[in-house]
All heavy atoms as atom14 arrays in JSON, in Angstrom:
{
  "sequence": "ELNQIARHCPQNIVSFMFHLHTSLELYQQTPNLANSLEQLSSIFP",
  "atom14_mask": [
    [1, 1, 1, 1, 1, 1, 1, 1, 1, 0, 0, 0, 0, 0],
    [1, 1, 1, 1, 1, 1, 1, 1, 0, 0, 0, 0, 0, 0],
    [1, 1, 1, 1, 1, 1, 1, 1, 0, 0, 0, 0, 0, 0],
    [1, 1, 1, 1, 1, 1, 1, 1, 1, 0, 0, 0, 0, 0],
    [1, 1, 1, 1, 1, 1, 1, 1, 0, 0, 0, 0, 0, 0],
    [1, 1, 1, 1, 1, 0, 0, 0, 0, 0, 0, 0, 0, 0],
    [1, 1, 1, 1, 1, 1, 1, 1, 1, 1, 1, 0, 0, 0],
    [1, 1, 1, 1, 1, 1, 1, 1, 1, 1, 0, 0, 0, 0],
    [1, 1, 1, 1, 1, 1, 0, 0, 0, 0, 0, 0, 0, 0],
    [1, 1, 1, 1, 1, 1, 1, 0, 0, 0, 0, 0, 0, 0],
    [1, 1, 1, 1, 1, 1, 1, 1, 1, 0, 0, 0, 0, 0],
    [1, 1, 1, 1, 1, 1, 1, 1, 0, 0, 0, 0, 0, 0],
    [1, 1, 1, 1, 1, 1, 1, 1, 0, 0, 0, 0, 0, 0],
    [1, 1, 1, 1, 1, 1, 1, 0, 0, 0, 0, 0, 0, 0],
    [1, 1, 1, 1, 1, 1, 0, 0, 0, 0, 0, 0, 0, 0],
    [1, 1, 1, 1, 1, 1, 1, 1, 1, 1, 1, 0, 0, 0],
    [1, 1, 1, 1, 1, 1, 1, 1, 0, 0, 0, 0, 0, 0],
    [1, 1, 1, 1, 1, 1, 1, 1, 1, 1, 1, 0, 0, 0],
    [1, 1, 1, 1, 1, 1, 1, 1, 1, 1, 0, 0, 0, 0],
    [1, 1, 1, 1, 1, 1, 1, 1, 0, 0, 0, 0, 0, 0],
    [1, 1, 1, 1, 1, 1, 1, 1, 1, 1, 0, 0, 0, 0],
    [1, 1, 1, 1, 1, 1, 1, 0, 0, 0, 0, 0, 0, 0],
    [1, 1, 1, 1, 1, 1, 0, 0, 0, 0, 0, 0, 0, 0],
    [1, 1, 1, 1, 1, 1, 1, 1, 0, 0, 0, 0, 0, 0],
    [1, 1, 1, 1, 1, 1, 1, 1, 1, 0, 0, 0, 0, 0],
    [1, 1, 1, 1, 1, 1, 1, 1, 0, 0, 0, 0, 0, 0],
    [1, 1, 1, 1, 1, 1, 1, 1, 1, 1, 1, 1, 0, 0],
    [1, 1, 1, 1, 1, 1, 1, 1, 1, 0, 0, 0, 0, 0],
    [1, 1, 1, 1, 1, 1, 1, 1, 1, 0, 0, 0, 0, 0],
    [1, 1, 1, 1, 1, 1, 1, 0, 0, 0, 0, 0, 0, 0],
    [1, 1, 1, 1, 1, 1, 1, 0, 0, 0, 0, 0, 0, 0],
    [1, 1, 1, 1, 1, 1, 1, 1, 0, 0, 0, 0, 0, 0],
    [1, 1, 1, 1, 1, 1, 1, 1, 0, 0, 0, 0, 0, 0],
    [1, 1, 1, 1, 1, 0, 0, 0, 0, 0, 0, 0, 0, 0],
    [1, 1, 1, 1, 1, 1, 1, 1, 0, 0, 0, 0, 0, 0],
    [1, 1, 1, 1, 1, 1, 0, 0, 0, 0, 0, 0, 0, 0],
    [1, 1, 1, 1, 1, 1, 1, 1, 0, 0, 0, 0, 0, 0],
    [1, 1, 1, 1, 1, 1, 1, 1, 1, 0, 0, 0, 0, 0],
    [1, 1, 1, 1, 1, 1, 1, 1, 1, 0, 0, 0, 0, 0],
    [1, 1, 1, 1, 1, 1, 1, 1, 0, 0, 0, 0, 0, 0],
    [1, 1, 1, 1, 1, 1, 0, 0, 0, 0, 0, 0, 0, 0],
    [1, 1, 1, 1, 1, 1, 0, 0, 0, 0, 0, 0, 0, 0],
    [1, 1, 1, 1, 1, 1, 1, 1, 0, 0, 0, 0, 0, 0],
    [1, 1, 1, 1, 1, 1, 1, 1, 1, 1, 1, 0, 0, 0],
    [1, 1, 1, 1, 1, 1, 1, 0, 0, 0, 0, 0, 0, 0]
  ],
  "atom14_positions": [
    [[94.9, 122.16, 104.18], [94.11, 121.01, 103.79], [95.04, 119.86, 103.32], [94.75, 118.71, 103.63], [93.19, 121.4, 102.59], [92.16, 122.41, 103.01], [91.3, 122.86, 101.76], [91.21, 122.0, 100.78], [90.65, 123.86, 101.8], [0.0, 0.0, 0.0], [0.0, 0.0, 0.0], [0.0, 0.0, 0.0], [0.0, 0.0, 0.0], [0.0, 0.0, 0.0]],
    [[96.11, 120.18, 102.62], [97.1, 119.17, 102.21], [97.66, 118.44, 103.43], [97.72, 117.22, 103.45], [98.17, 119.82, 101.33], [99.31, 118.91, 100.94], [98.86, 117.72, 100.13], [100.35, 119.63, 100.19], [0.0, 0.0, 0.0], [0.0, 0.0, 0.0], [0.0, 0.0, 0.0], [0.0, 0.0, 0.0], [0.0, 0.0, 0.0], [0.0, 0.0, 0.0]],
    [[98.08, 119.26, 104.36], [98.63, 118.57, 105.55], [97.72, 117.77, 106.32], [98.01, 116.66, 106.91], [99.21, 119.68, 106.48], [100.36, 120.43, 105.9], [101.08, 119.91, 105.07], [100.59, 121.7, 106.22], [0.0, 0.0, 0.0], [0.0, 0.0, 0.0], [0.0, 0.0, 0.0], [0.0, 0.0, 0.0], [0.0, 0.0, 0.0], [0.0, 0.0, 0.0]],
    [[96.38, 118.19, 106.34], [95.41, 117.39, 107.03], [95.1, 116.06, 106.27], [95.02, 115.03, 106.92], [94.11, 118.22, 107.16], [93.01, 117.52, 107.88], [91.75, 118.37, 108.02], [91.74, 119.53, 107.5], [90.75, 117.92, 108.73], [0.0, 0.0, 0.0], [0.0, 0.0, 0.0], [0.0, 0.0, 0.0], [0.0, 0.0, 0.0], [0.0, 0.0, 0.0]],
    [[95.01, 116.11, 104.94], [94.73, 114.95, 104.18], [95.88, 114.01, 104.22], [95.73, 112.74, 104.23], [94.46, 115.4, 102.7], [93.14, 116.08, 102.61], [94.33, 114.1, 101.8], [91.9, 115.32, 103.08], [0.0, 0.0, 0.0], [0.0, 0.0, 0.0], [0.0, 0.0, 0.0], [0.0, 0.0, 0.0], [0.0, 0.0, 0.0], [0.0, 0.0, 0.0]],
    [[97.15, 114.55, 104.19], [98.38, 113.7, 104.26], [98.43, 112.74, 105.48], [98.91, 111.62, 105.37], [99.6, 114.55, 104.16], [0.0, 0.0, 0.0], [0.0, 0.0, 0.0], [0.0, 0.0, 0.0], [0.0, 0.0, 0.0], [0.0, 0.0, 0.0], [0.0, 0.0, 0.0], [0.0, 0.0, 0.0], [0.0, 0.0, 0.0], [0.0, 0.0, 0.0]],
    [[97.83, 113.19, 106.56], [97.81, 112.3, 107.77], [96.92, 111.07, 107.57], [97.19, 110.12, 108.29], [97.36, 113.12, 108.94], [98.33, 114.2, 109.44], [97.97, 114.71, 110.81], [96.79, 115.43, 110.81], [96.66, 116.85, 110.69], [97.74, 117.49, 110.49], [95.5, 117.39, 110.71], [0.0, 0.0, 0.0], [0.0, 0.0, 0.0], [0.0, 0.0, 0.0]],
    [[96.0, 111.13, 106.66], [95.11, 110.0, 106.47], [95.48, 109.1, 105.31], [94.84, 108.12, 104.99], [93.69, 110.51, 106.28], [93.1, 111.31, 107.44], [92.72, 110.77, 108.59], [92.94, 112.62, 107.5], [92.33, 111.78, 109.43], [92.43, 112.88, 108.78], [0.0, 0.0, 0.0], [0.0, 0.0, 0.0], [0.0, 0.0, 0.0], [0.0, 0.0, 0.0]],
    [[96.54, 109.47, 104.58], [97.02, 108.71, 103.42], [98.01, 107.68, 103.79], [98.67, 107.84, 104.78], [97.6, 109.61, 102.41], [96.41, 110.87, 101.65], [0.0, 0.0, 0.0], [0.0, 0.0, 0.0], [0.0, 0.0, 0.0], [0.0, 0.0, 0.0], [0.0, 0.0, 0.0], [0.0, 0.0, 0.0], [0.0, 0.0, 0.0], [0.0, 0.0, 0.0]],
    [[98.13, 106.62, 103.02], [99.15, 105.65, 103.24], [100.58, 106.25, 103.14], [100.8, 107.22, 102.34], [99.0, 104.58, 102.16], [98.21, 105.27, 101.11], [97.36, 106.33, 101.81], [0.0, 0.0, 0.0], [0.0, 0.0, 0.0], [0.0, 0.0, 0.0], [0.0, 0.0, 0.0], [0.0, 0.0, 0.0], [0.0, 0.0, 0.0], [0.0, 0.0, 0.0]],
    [[101.53, 105.81, 103.93], [102.85, 106.38, 103.88], [103.72, 105.57, 102.99], [104.22, 104.47, 103.41], [103.43, 106.5, 105.35], [102.61, 107.34, 106.22], [102.38, 108.73, 105.71], [103.39, 109.43, 105.36], [101.16, 109.27, 105.68], [0.0, 0.0, 0.0], [0.0, 0.0, 0.0], [0.0, 0.0, 0.0], [0.0, 0.0, 0.0], [0.0, 0.0, 0.0]],
    [[103.91, 106.01, 101.79], [104.78, 105.25, 100.82], [105.38, 106.3, 99.91], [105.08, 107.51, 100.0], [104.05, 104.16, 100.11], [102.72, 104.64, 99.49], [102.73, 105.71, 98.9], [101.7, 103.89, 99.7], [0.0, 0.0, 0.0], [0.0, 0.0, 0.0], [0.0, 0.0, 0.0], [0.0, 0.0, 0.0], [0.0, 0.0, 0.0], [0.0, 0.0, 0.0]],
    [[106.14, 105.87, 98.9], [106.78, 106.84, 97.99], [105.78, 107.49, 97.11], [106.01, 108.62, 96.72], [107.86, 105.99, 97.18], [108.77, 107.0, 96.48], [107.22, 105.08, 96.12], [109.98, 106.35, 95.91], [0.0, 0.0, 0.0], [0.0, 0.0, 0.0], [0.0, 0.0, 0.0], [0.0, 0.0, 0.0], [0.0, 0.0, 0.0], [0.0, 0.0, 0.0]],
    [[104.61, 106.84, 96.82], [103.68, 107.46, 95.97], [103.03, 108.68, 96.7], [102.78, 109.75, 96.13], [102.65, 106.52, 95.44], [101.66, 107.17, 94.44], [103.28, 105.28, 94.77], [0.0, 0.0, 0.0], [0.0, 0.0, 0.0], [0.0, 0.0, 0.0], [0.0, 0.0, 0.0], [0.0, 0.0, 0.0], [0.0, 0.0, 0.0], [0.0, 0.0, 0.0]],
    [[102.7, 108.47, 97.97], [102.17, 109.53, 98.75], [103.18, 110.7, 98.91], [102.79, 111.87, 98.94], [101.65, 109.08, 100.12], [102.7, 108.58, 100.87], [0.0, 0.0, 0.0], [0.0, 0.0, 0.0], [0.0, 0.0, 0.0], [0.0, 0.0, 0.0], [0.0, 0.0, 0.0], [0.0, 0.0, 0.0], [0.0, 0.0, 0.0], [0.0, 0.0, 0.0]],
    [[104.45, 110.34, 99.0], [105.51, 111.31, 99.04], [105.48, 112.18, 97.76], [105.6, 113.39, 97.8], [106.84, 110.57, 99.16], [107.98, 111.44, 99.6], [107.95, 112.19, 100.79], [109.15, 111.52, 98.8], [109.0, 112.94, 101.14], [110.2, 112.32, 99.2], [110.11, 113.06, 100.4], [0.0, 0.0, 0.0], [0.0, 0.0, 0.0], [0.0, 0.0, 0.0]],
    [[105.37, 111.53, 96.6], [105.28, 112.25, 95.34], [104.01, 113.06, 95.26], [103.98, 114.17, 94.66], [105.33, 111.27, 94.2], [106.69, 110.55, 94.1], [106.59, 109.28, 92.81], [106.3, 110.32, 91.4], [0.0, 0.0, 0.0], [0.0, 0.0, 0.0], [0.0, 0.0, 0.0], [0.0, 0.0, 0.0], [0.0, 0.0, 0.0], [0.0, 0.0, 0.0]],
    [[102.84, 112.56, 95.79], [101.63, 113.29, 95.8], [101.76, 114.6, 96.59], [101.35, 115.65, 96.21], [100.52, 112.43, 96.46], [99.39, 113.2, 96.96], [98.48, 113.8, 96.19], [99.18, 113.33, 98.37], [97.36, 114.52, 96.66], [98.11, 114.04, 98.92], [97.2, 114.62, 98.03], [0.0, 0.0, 0.0], [0.0, 0.0, 0.0], [0.0, 0.0, 0.0]],
    [[102.46, 114.52, 97.72], [102.69, 115.71, 98.57], [103.52, 116.73, 97.83], [103.26, 117.94, 97.81], [103.3, 115.36, 99.87], [103.26, 116.42, 100.96], [104.11, 117.46, 100.97], [102.47, 116.56, 102.01], [103.84, 118.31, 101.99], [102.79, 117.75, 102.66], [0.0, 0.0, 0.0], [0.0, 0.0, 0.0], [0.0, 0.0, 0.0], [0.0, 0.0, 0.0]],
    [[104.53, 116.23, 97.1], [105.4, 117.1, 96.32], [104.61, 117.75, 95.17], [104.69, 118.97, 94.98], [106.6, 116.28, 95.75], [107.43, 116.94, 94.74], [108.21, 118.12, 95.29], [108.4, 115.99, 94.05], [0.0, 0.0, 0.0], [0.0, 0.0, 0.0], [0.0, 0.0, 0.0], [0.0, 0.0, 0.0], [0.0, 0.0, 0.0], [0.0, 0.0, 0.0]],
    [[103.86, 117.0, 94.41], [103.1, 117.51, 93.32], [102.05, 118.55, 93.8], [101.91, 119.6, 93.19], [102.43, 116.35, 92.57], [101.5, 116.77, 91.51], [101.89, 117.32, 90.33], [100.08, 116.79, 91.49], [100.79, 117.6, 89.55], [99.7, 117.31, 90.31], [0.0, 0.0, 0.0], [0.0, 0.0, 0.0], [0.0, 0.0, 0.0], [0.0, 0.0, 0.0]],
    [[101.3, 118.21, 94.81], [100.26, 119.11, 95.28], [100.85, 120.42, 95.85], [100.27, 121.47, 95.65], [99.38, 118.43, 96.39], [98.96, 117.2, 95.89], [98.19, 119.3, 96.7], [0.0, 0.0, 0.0], [0.0, 0.0, 0.0], [0.0, 0.0, 0.0], [0.0, 0.0, 0.0], [0.0, 0.0, 0.0], [0.0, 0.0, 0.0], [0.0, 0.0, 0.0]],
    [[102.03, 120.3, 96.45], [102.66, 121.55, 96.99], [103.05, 122.44, 95.85], [102.92, 123.69, 95.97], [103.94, 121.14, 97.79], [103.55, 120.38, 98.93], [0.0, 0.0, 0.0], [0.0, 0.0, 0.0], [0.0, 0.0, 0.0], [0.0, 0.0, 0.0], [0.0, 0.0, 0.0], [0.0, 0.0, 0.0], [0.0, 0.0, 0.0], [0.0, 0.0, 0.0]],
    [[103.51, 121.92, 94.75], [103.86, 122.72, 93.61], [102.58, 123.28, 93.0], [102.58, 124.42, 92.55], [104.61, 121.87, 92.56], [106.04, 121.51, 92.94], [106.61, 120.54, 91.9], [106.91, 122.75, 93.0], [0.0, 0.0, 0.0], [0.0, 0.0, 0.0], [0.0, 0.0, 0.0], [0.0, 0.0, 0.0], [0.0, 0.0, 0.0], [0.0, 0.0, 0.0]],
    [[101.51, 122.57, 92.99], [100.19, 123.14, 92.5], [99.75, 124.26, 93.39], [99.03, 125.17, 92.89], [99.19, 122.0, 92.43], [99.42, 120.98, 91.38], [99.14, 121.56, 90.0], [98.09, 122.13, 89.78], [100.04, 121.38, 89.16], [0.0, 0.0, 0.0], [0.0, 0.0, 0.0], [0.0, 0.0, 0.0], [0.0, 0.0, 0.0], [0.0, 0.0, 0.0]],
    [[100.18, 124.28, 94.62], [99.8, 125.34, 95.55], [100.85, 126.48, 95.59], [100.88, 127.29, 96.47], [99.57, 124.83, 96.93], [98.41, 123.88, 97.08], [98.35, 123.27, 98.5], [97.08, 124.54, 96.79], [0.0, 0.0, 0.0], [0.0, 0.0, 0.0], [0.0, 0.0, 0.0], [0.0, 0.0, 0.0], [0.0, 0.0, 0.0], [0.0, 0.0, 0.0]],
    [[101.84, 126.46, 94.58], [102.84, 127.46, 94.43], [103.82, 127.49, 95.59], [104.36, 128.55, 95.92], [102.23, 128.87, 94.17], [101.11, 128.88, 93.26], [99.79, 129.12, 93.66], [101.27, 128.66, 91.93], [98.74, 129.1, 92.76], [100.32, 128.64, 91.03], [99.04, 128.94, 91.45], [98.02, 128.88, 90.5], [0.0, 0.0, 0.0], [0.0, 0.0, 0.0]],
    [[104.11, 126.38, 96.22], [105.07, 126.37, 97.3], [106.43, 126.29, 96.77], [106.7, 125.75, 95.64], [104.82, 125.11, 98.21], [103.41, 125.06, 98.9], [103.31, 126.23, 99.88], [103.95, 126.25, 100.92], [102.47, 127.17, 99.53], [0.0, 0.0, 0.0], [0.0, 0.0, 0.0], [0.0, 0.0, 0.0], [0.0, 0.0, 0.0], [0.0, 0.0, 0.0]],
    [[107.41, 126.81, 97.48], [108.82, 126.7, 97.08], [109.75, 126.81, 98.33], [110.71, 127.49, 98.36], [109.13, 127.82, 96.08], [108.7, 129.18, 96.38], [109.83, 130.03, 97.09], [110.99, 129.81, 96.87], [109.41, 130.91, 97.95], [0.0, 0.0, 0.0], [0.0, 0.0, 0.0], [0.0, 0.0, 0.0], [0.0, 0.0, 0.0], [0.0, 0.0, 0.0]],
    [[109.41, 125.93, 99.32], [110.15, 125.94, 100.54], [111.39, 125.07, 100.45], [111.44, 124.18, 99.58], [109.24, 125.42, 101.73], [108.82, 124.08, 101.38], [108.05, 126.32, 101.84], [0.0, 0.0, 0.0], [0.0, 0.0, 0.0], [0.0, 0.0, 0.0], [0.0, 0.0, 0.0], [0.0, 0.0, 0.0], [0.0, 0.0, 0.0], [0.0, 0.0, 0.0]],
    [[112.33, 125.27, 101.36], [113.56, 124.37, 101.35], [113.19, 122.9, 101.58], [113.85, 122.03, 100.93], [114.39, 124.94, 102.51], [113.94, 126.37, 102.62], [112.53, 126.35, 102.29], [0.0, 0.0, 0.0], [0.0, 0.0, 0.0], [0.0, 0.0, 0.0], [0.0, 0.0, 0.0], [0.0, 0.0, 0.0], [0.0, 0.0, 0.0], [0.0, 0.0, 0.0]],
    [[112.26, 122.6, 102.4], [111.83, 121.21, 102.61], [111.37, 120.57, 101.34], [111.62, 119.37, 101.03], [110.76, 121.14, 103.69], [111.25, 121.45, 105.08], [112.47, 121.33, 105.33], [110.36, 121.87, 105.94], [0.0, 0.0, 0.0], [0.0, 0.0, 0.0], [0.0, 0.0, 0.0], [0.0, 0.0, 0.0], [0.0, 0.0, 0.0], [0.0, 0.0, 0.0]],
    [[110.63, 121.39, 100.48], [110.11, 120.86, 99.3], [111.3, 120.56, 98.26], [111.32, 119.5, 97.61], [109.22, 121.85, 98.57], [108.33, 121.39, 97.46], [107.46, 120.29, 97.87], [107.55, 122.52, 96.85], [0.0, 0.0, 0.0], [0.0, 0.0, 0.0], [0.0, 0.0, 0.0], [0.0, 0.0, 0.0], [0.0, 0.0, 0.0], [0.0, 0.0, 0.0]],
    [[112.25, 121.41, 98.32], [113.51, 121.18, 97.47], [114.22, 119.91, 97.91], [114.69, 119.09, 97.11], [114.4, 122.4, 97.52], [0.0, 0.0, 0.0], [0.0, 0.0, 0.0], [0.0, 0.0, 0.0], [0.0, 0.0, 0.0], [0.0, 0.0, 0.0], [0.0, 0.0, 0.0], [0.0, 0.0, 0.0], [0.0, 0.0, 0.0], [0.0, 0.0, 0.0]],
    [[114.29, 119.7, 99.24], [114.99, 118.51, 99.73], [114.24, 117.25, 99.36], [114.89, 116.22, 98.97], [115.14, 118.63, 101.25], [116.09, 119.72, 101.69], [117.01, 120.1, 100.94], [115.95, 120.23, 102.89], [0.0, 0.0, 0.0], [0.0, 0.0, 0.0], [0.0, 0.0, 0.0], [0.0, 0.0, 0.0], [0.0, 0.0, 0.0], [0.0, 0.0, 0.0]],
    [[112.92, 117.34, 99.45], [112.14, 116.13, 99.08], [112.3, 115.8, 97.59], [112.4, 114.59, 97.24], [110.62, 116.4, 99.35], [110.4, 116.66, 100.7], [0.0, 0.0, 0.0], [0.0, 0.0, 0.0], [0.0, 0.0, 0.0], [0.0, 0.0, 0.0], [0.0, 0.0, 0.0], [0.0, 0.0, 0.0], [0.0, 0.0, 0.0], [0.0, 0.0, 0.0]],
    [[112.38, 116.81, 96.73], [112.56, 116.6, 95.34], [113.93, 116.03, 95.09], [114.08, 115.15, 94.22], [112.37, 117.94, 94.59], [112.46, 117.94, 93.05], [111.47, 116.94, 92.53], [112.13, 119.27, 92.57], [0.0, 0.0, 0.0], [0.0, 0.0, 0.0], [0.0, 0.0, 0.0], [0.0, 0.0, 0.0], [0.0, 0.0, 0.0], [0.0, 0.0, 0.0]],
    [[114.92, 116.45, 95.83], [116.32, 115.87, 95.64], [116.31, 114.42, 96.01], [117.03, 113.64, 95.36], [117.29, 116.69, 96.38], [117.6, 118.11, 95.91], [118.15, 118.09, 94.5], [118.87, 117.12, 94.17], [118.0, 119.08, 93.75], [0.0, 0.0, 0.0], [0.0, 0.0, 0.0], [0.0, 0.0, 0.0], [0.0, 0.0, 0.0], [0.0, 0.0, 0.0]],
    [[115.64, 114.11, 97.11], [115.6, 112.69, 97.5], [114.92, 111.77, 96.41], [115.45, 110.73, 96.11], [114.84, 112.57, 98.81], [115.52, 113.2, 100.05], [114.7, 113.13, 101.31], [113.98, 112.18, 101.48], [114.74, 114.13, 102.1], [0.0, 0.0, 0.0], [0.0, 0.0, 0.0], [0.0, 0.0, 0.0], [0.0, 0.0, 0.0], [0.0, 0.0, 0.0]],
    [[113.86, 112.28, 95.91], [113.17, 111.49, 94.84], [114.04, 111.41, 93.62], [114.07, 110.33, 92.9], [111.84, 112.08, 94.52], [110.69, 111.85, 95.51], [109.47, 112.66, 95.13], [110.32, 110.37, 95.55], [0.0, 0.0, 0.0], [0.0, 0.0, 0.0], [0.0, 0.0, 0.0], [0.0, 0.0, 0.0], [0.0, 0.0, 0.0], [0.0, 0.0, 0.0]],
    [[114.71, 112.48, 93.28], [115.6, 112.5, 92.09], [116.72, 111.48, 92.2], [117.22, 110.94, 91.21], [116.08, 113.9, 91.82], [115.01, 114.78, 91.53], [0.0, 0.0, 0.0], [0.0, 0.0, 0.0], [0.0, 0.0, 0.0], [0.0, 0.0, 0.0], [0.0, 0.0, 0.0], [0.0, 0.0, 0.0], [0.0, 0.0, 0.0], [0.0, 0.0, 0.0]],
    [[117.23, 111.26, 93.44], [118.25, 110.24, 93.64], [117.79, 108.9, 93.39], [118.58, 108.0, 93.06], [118.86, 110.39, 95.04], [117.84, 110.04, 95.99], [0.0, 0.0, 0.0], [0.0, 0.0, 0.0], [0.0, 0.0, 0.0], [0.0, 0.0, 0.0], [0.0, 0.0, 0.0], [0.0, 0.0, 0.0], [0.0, 0.0, 0.0], [0.0, 0.0, 0.0]],
    [[116.51, 108.63, 93.56], [115.98, 107.32, 93.29], [115.58, 107.15, 91.82], [115.81, 106.09, 91.23], [114.68, 107.11, 94.17], [115.02, 107.23, 95.72], [114.08, 105.71, 93.95], [113.8, 107.2, 96.59], [0.0, 0.0, 0.0], [0.0, 0.0, 0.0], [0.0, 0.0, 0.0], [0.0, 0.0, 0.0], [0.0, 0.0, 0.0], [0.0, 0.0, 0.0]],
    [[115.02, 108.22, 91.22], [114.62, 108.17, 89.84], [115.39, 109.23, 89.07], [114.84, 110.29, 88.78], [113.02, 108.4, 89.67], [112.24, 107.51, 90.51], [111.7, 107.93, 91.75], [111.94, 106.25, 90.14], [110.89, 107.1, 92.48], [111.16, 105.33, 90.87], [110.64, 105.79, 92.07], [0.0, 0.0, 0.0], [0.0, 0.0, 0.0], [0.0, 0.0, 0.0]],
    [[116.65, 108.99, 88.75], [117.45, 110.1, 88.19], [117.07, 110.63, 86.88], [117.42, 111.74, 86.53], [118.83, 109.42, 88.15], [118.61, 107.97, 88.15], [117.31, 107.69, 88.86], [0.0, 0.0, 0.0], [0.0, 0.0, 0.0], [0.0, 0.0, 0.0], [0.0, 0.0, 0.0], [0.0, 0.0, 0.0], [0.0, 0.0, 0.0], [0.0, 0.0, 0.0]]
  ]
}
Protein backbone atom coordinates (compact mmCIF):
# COMPACT_ATOMS: atom_id res chain seq x y z
CA GLU A 1 0.00 0.00 0.00
CA LEU A 2 2.85 2.38 0.81
CA ASN A 3 4.50 1.80 -2.56
CA GLN A 4 1.20 2.32 -4.35
CA ILE A 5 0.42 5.56 -2.51
CA ALA A 6 3.97 6.88 -2.99
CA ARG A 7 3.46 6.90 -6.76
CA HIS A 8 0.62 9.43 -6.39
CA CYS A 9 2.43 11.74 -3.95
CA PRO A 10 4.53 14.77 -4.88
CA GLN A 11 8.22 13.99 -5.19
CA ASN A 12 10.08 16.16 -2.70
CA ILE A 13 12.08 15.82 0.49
CA VAL A 14 8.95 15.73 2.66
CA SER A 15 7.52 12.76 0.75
CA PHE A 16 10.96 11.15 1.09
CA MET A 17 10.68 11.54 4.86
CA PHE A 18 7.11 10.25 4.78
CA HIS A 19 8.27 7.08 3.04
CA LEU A 20 11.01 6.65 5.63
CA HIS A 21 8.69 7.23 8.59
CA THR A 22 5.96 4.92 7.28
CA SER A 23 8.47 2.17 6.51
CA LEU A 24 9.65 2.30 10.11
CA GLU A 25 6.02 2.16 11.29
CA LEU A 26 5.71 -1.03 9.23
CA TYR A 27 8.80 -2.49 10.98
CA GLN A 28 11.01 -2.35 7.90
CA GLN A 29 14.80 -2.47 8.25
CA THR A 30 16.14 -2.92 4.72
CA PRO A 31 19.51 -1.58 3.45
CA ASN A 32 17.69 0.88 1.18
CA LEU A 33 15.93 2.33 4.19
CA ALA A 34 19.25 2.77 5.99
CA ASN A 35 20.73 4.51 2.94
CA SER A 36 17.74 6.87 2.74
CA LEU A 37 18.15 7.73 6.40
CA GLU A 38 21.85 8.45 5.92
CA GLN A 39 21.08 10.78 3.01
CA LEU A 40 18.58 12.75 5.08
CA SER A 41 20.96 12.87 8.03
CA SER A 42 23.60 14.48 5.84
CA ILE A 43 21.15 17.30 5.11
CA PHE A 44 19.79 17.65 8.66
CA PRO A 45 22.71 16.51 10.83
